[in-house]
């Protein structure tokens, strides 16, 4: 389920954003989730906990759906 995350990060660092999404679709909700978690440590953010829960659910759902799609198309 995590296959492709390192290559996806490398693609983002090279500026290849669309390719990063196709490599690992959950990369963007995951980046948002980790960014919010880090940012929350330094500043107070209204509704941070609710946002973290929503992003975590979105990330897990994206990982599962993309995994199912990859397994059924192969």
N, C-alpha and C. Protein backbone atom coordinates (compact mmCIF):
# COMPACT_ATOMS: atom_id res chain seq x y z
N UNK A 1 0.81 -1.21 0.00
CA UNK A 1 0.00 0.00 0.00
C UNK A 1 0.85 1.26 0.00
N UNK A 2 2.05 1.17 0.49
CA UNK A 2 2.92 2.33 0.52
C UNK A 2 3.90 2.35 -0.63
N UNK A 3 3.75 1.40 -1.53
CA UNK A 3 4.66 1.29 -2.66
C UNK A 3 4.55 2.52 -3.55
N UNK A 4 5.66 3.17 -3.79
CA UNK A 4 5.69 4.33 -4.66
C UNK A 4 5.82 5.65 -3.93
N UNK A 5 5.78 5.63 -2.61
CA UNK A 5 5.80 6.89 -1.86
C UNK A 5 7.17 7.58 -1.99
N UNK A 6 8.25 6.83 -1.95
CA UNK A 6 9.57 7.44 -2.07
C UNK A 6 9.78 8.03 -3.46
N UNK A 7 9.37 7.31 -4.47
CA UNK A 7 9.51 7.83 -5.84
C UNK A 7 8.60 9.04 -6.03
N UNK A 8 7.44 9.03 -5.40
CA UNK A 8 6.53 10.15 -5.49
C UNK A 8 7.12 11.41 -4.84
N UNK A 9 7.76 11.24 -3.71
CA UNK A 9 8.42 12.37 -3.05
C UNK A 9 9.54 12.90 -3.92
N UNK A 10 10.30 12.00 -4.53
CA UNK A 10 11.38 12.43 -5.44
C UNK A 10 10.81 13.21 -6.62
N UNK A 11 9.68 12.77 -7.14
CA UNK A 11 9.05 13.48 -8.26
C UNK A 11 8.59 14.87 -7.84
N UNK A 12 8.04 14.99 -6.64
CA UNK A 12 7.61 16.31 -6.15
C UNK A 12 8.81 17.23 -6.02
N UNK A 13 9.91 16.71 -5.49
CA UNK A 13 11.10 17.53 -5.32
C UNK A 13 11.68 17.99 -6.66
N UNK A 14 11.43 17.23 -7.72
CA UNK A 14 11.87 17.63 -9.06
C UNK A 14 10.84 18.50 -9.76
N UNK A 15 9.68 18.72 -9.12
CA UNK A 15 8.65 19.57 -9.70
C UNK A 15 7.70 18.85 -10.63
N UNK A 16 7.71 17.54 -10.61
CA UNK A 16 6.84 16.76 -11.48
C UNK A 16 5.61 16.32 -10.66
N UNK A 17 4.68 17.27 -10.48
CA UNK A 17 3.57 17.09 -9.56
C UNK A 17 2.51 16.10 -10.06
N UNK A 18 2.21 16.15 -11.34
CA UNK A 18 1.21 15.23 -11.89
C UNK A 18 1.75 13.80 -11.85
N UNK A 19 3.01 13.63 -12.21
CA UNK A 19 3.61 12.30 -12.19
C UNK A 19 3.66 11.75 -10.76
N UNK A 20 3.89 12.64 -9.79
CA UNK A 20 3.91 12.21 -8.38
C UNK A 20 2.54 11.70 -7.97
N UNK A 21 1.49 12.34 -8.43
CA UNK A 21 0.13 11.89 -8.11
C UNK A 21 -0.14 10.52 -8.70
N UNK A 22 0.25 10.32 -9.96
CA UNK A 22 0.01 9.02 -10.59
C UNK A 22 0.88 7.92 -9.98
N UNK A 23 2.03 8.28 -9.45
CA UNK A 23 2.90 7.30 -8.81
C UNK A 23 2.29 6.85 -7.47
N UNK A 24 1.78 7.83 -6.70
CA UNK A 24 1.21 7.53 -5.38
C UNK A 24 0.14 8.58 -5.07
N UNK A 25 -1.13 8.28 -5.38
CA UNK A 25 -2.21 9.26 -5.26
C UNK A 25 -2.40 9.86 -3.87
N UNK A 26 -1.99 9.17 -2.83
CA UNK A 26 -2.19 9.68 -1.47
C UNK A 26 -1.10 10.65 -1.04
N UNK A 27 -0.20 10.99 -1.93
CA UNK A 27 0.92 11.85 -1.54
C UNK A 27 0.46 13.24 -1.11
N UNK A 28 -0.51 13.80 -1.79
CA UNK A 28 -0.92 15.17 -1.45
C UNK A 28 -1.69 15.27 -0.14
N UNK A 29 -2.67 14.39 0.13
CA UNK A 29 -3.28 14.46 1.46
C UNK A 29 -2.27 14.13 2.57
N UNK A 30 -1.31 13.26 2.27
CA UNK A 30 -0.29 12.90 3.25
C UNK A 30 0.62 14.10 3.54
N UNK A 31 1.02 14.81 2.51
CA UNK A 31 1.85 16.00 2.70
C UNK A 31 1.09 17.06 3.50
N UNK A 32 -0.19 17.26 3.17
CA UNK A 32 -1.00 18.21 3.93
C UNK A 32 -1.13 17.80 5.39
N UNK A 33 -1.35 16.52 5.63
CA UNK A 33 -1.48 16.01 6.99
C UNK A 33 -0.21 16.25 7.80
N UNK A 34 0.93 15.86 7.25
CA UNK A 34 2.19 16.05 7.98
C UNK A 34 2.54 17.53 8.14
N UNK A 35 2.21 18.34 7.14
CA UNK A 35 2.46 19.78 7.26
C UNK A 35 1.63 20.38 8.39
N UNK A 36 0.38 19.98 8.48
CA UNK A 36 -0.49 20.49 9.54
C UNK A 36 -0.01 20.01 10.90
N UNK A 37 0.40 18.75 10.99
CA UNK A 37 0.91 18.24 12.26
C UNK A 37 2.15 19.00 12.72
N UNK A 38 3.04 19.30 11.80
CA UNK A 38 4.26 20.05 12.15
C UNK A 38 3.92 21.49 12.49
N UNK A 39 3.08 22.12 11.68
CA UNK A 39 2.70 23.51 11.91
C UNK A 39 1.98 23.68 13.24
N UNK A 40 1.18 22.71 13.62
CA UNK A 40 0.43 22.76 14.87
C UNK A 40 1.36 22.81 16.09
N UNK A 41 2.56 22.28 15.95
CA UNK A 41 3.52 22.30 17.05
C UNK A 41 4.05 23.70 17.33
N UNK A 42 3.99 24.57 16.34
CA UNK A 42 4.58 25.89 16.48
C UNK A 42 3.57 27.01 16.65
N UNK A 43 2.39 26.86 16.05
CA UNK A 43 1.37 27.90 16.18
C UNK A 43 0.02 27.26 16.51
N UNK A 44 -0.83 28.07 17.09
CA UNK A 44 -2.18 27.61 17.42
C UNK A 44 -3.07 27.77 16.18
N UNK A 45 -3.71 26.68 15.80
CA UNK A 45 -4.56 26.68 14.62
C UNK A 45 -5.97 26.29 15.04
N UNK A 46 -6.93 27.14 14.70
CA UNK A 46 -8.31 26.85 15.02
C UNK A 46 -8.76 25.64 14.20
N UNK A 47 -9.47 24.73 14.83
CA UNK A 47 -9.98 23.50 14.21
C UNK A 47 -8.86 22.58 13.72
N UNK A 48 -7.69 22.66 14.31
CA UNK A 48 -6.58 21.82 13.87
C UNK A 48 -6.88 20.34 14.09
N UNK A 49 -7.45 20.00 15.23
CA UNK A 49 -7.71 18.59 15.53
C UNK A 49 -8.73 17.99 14.56
N UNK A 50 -9.78 18.74 14.26
CA UNK A 50 -10.78 18.26 13.30
C UNK A 50 -10.17 18.12 11.91
N UNK A 51 -9.33 19.08 11.54
CA UNK A 51 -8.67 19.04 10.24
C UNK A 51 -7.74 17.84 10.14
N UNK A 52 -7.04 17.54 11.22
CA UNK A 52 -6.13 16.40 11.23
C UNK A 52 -6.90 15.10 11.07
N UNK A 53 -8.02 14.99 11.77
CA UNK A 53 -8.85 13.78 11.65
C UNK A 53 -9.37 13.62 10.23
N UNK A 54 -9.87 14.70 9.65
CA UNK A 54 -10.39 14.65 8.28
C UNK A 54 -9.29 14.28 7.29
N UNK A 55 -8.12 14.90 7.43
CA UNK A 55 -7.01 14.59 6.52
C UNK A 55 -6.52 13.15 6.70
N UNK A 56 -6.53 12.67 7.93
CA UNK A 56 -6.11 11.28 8.17
C UNK A 56 -7.08 10.31 7.50
N UNK A 57 -8.38 10.56 7.65
CA UNK A 57 -9.38 9.71 7.01
C UNK A 57 -9.25 9.77 5.49
N UNK A 58 -9.07 10.98 4.96
CA UNK A 58 -8.91 11.15 3.51
C UNK A 58 -7.67 10.42 3.01
N UNK A 59 -6.59 10.51 3.76
CA UNK A 59 -5.35 9.85 3.37
C UNK A 59 -5.51 8.33 3.35
N UNK A 60 -6.06 7.79 4.42
CA UNK A 60 -6.25 6.34 4.49
C UNK A 60 -7.20 5.86 3.39
N UNK A 61 -8.28 6.61 3.17
CA UNK A 61 -9.23 6.24 2.12
C UNK A 61 -8.57 6.27 0.75
N UNK A 62 -7.76 7.28 0.50
CA UNK A 62 -7.06 7.38 -0.78
C UNK A 62 -6.09 6.22 -0.96
N UNK A 63 -5.38 5.87 0.10
CA UNK A 63 -4.44 4.74 0.03
C UNK A 63 -5.18 3.45 -0.29
N UNK A 64 -6.27 3.21 0.40
CA UNK A 64 -7.02 1.96 0.19
C UNK A 64 -7.64 1.90 -1.19
N UNK A 65 -8.26 2.99 -1.62
CA UNK A 65 -8.90 3.01 -2.94
C UNK A 65 -7.87 2.84 -4.05
N UNK A 66 -6.75 3.56 -3.95
CA UNK A 66 -5.73 3.42 -5.00
C UNK A 66 -5.13 2.02 -5.01
N UNK A 67 -5.00 1.40 -3.84
CA UNK A 67 -4.50 0.03 -3.76
C UNK A 67 -5.48 -0.93 -4.44
N UNK A 68 -6.75 -0.77 -4.15
CA UNK A 68 -7.77 -1.64 -4.75
C UNK A 68 -7.78 -1.48 -6.27
N UNK A 69 -7.69 -0.24 -6.74
CA UNK A 69 -7.68 0.01 -8.18
C UNK A 69 -6.45 -0.63 -8.83
N UNK A 70 -5.29 -0.48 -8.20
CA UNK A 70 -4.07 -1.08 -8.76
C UNK A 70 -4.15 -2.59 -8.79
N UNK A 71 -4.74 -3.19 -7.76
CA UNK A 71 -4.82 -4.65 -7.71
C UNK A 71 -5.84 -5.22 -8.69
N UNK A 72 -6.88 -4.48 -8.98
CA UNK A 72 -7.90 -4.98 -9.90
C UNK A 72 -7.55 -4.72 -11.36
N UNK A 73 -6.66 -3.79 -11.64
CA UNK A 73 -6.29 -3.51 -13.02
C UNK A 73 -5.09 -4.34 -13.48
N UNK A 74 -4.40 -4.96 -12.56
CA UNK A 74 -3.22 -5.77 -12.93
C UNK A 74 -3.59 -7.17 -13.26
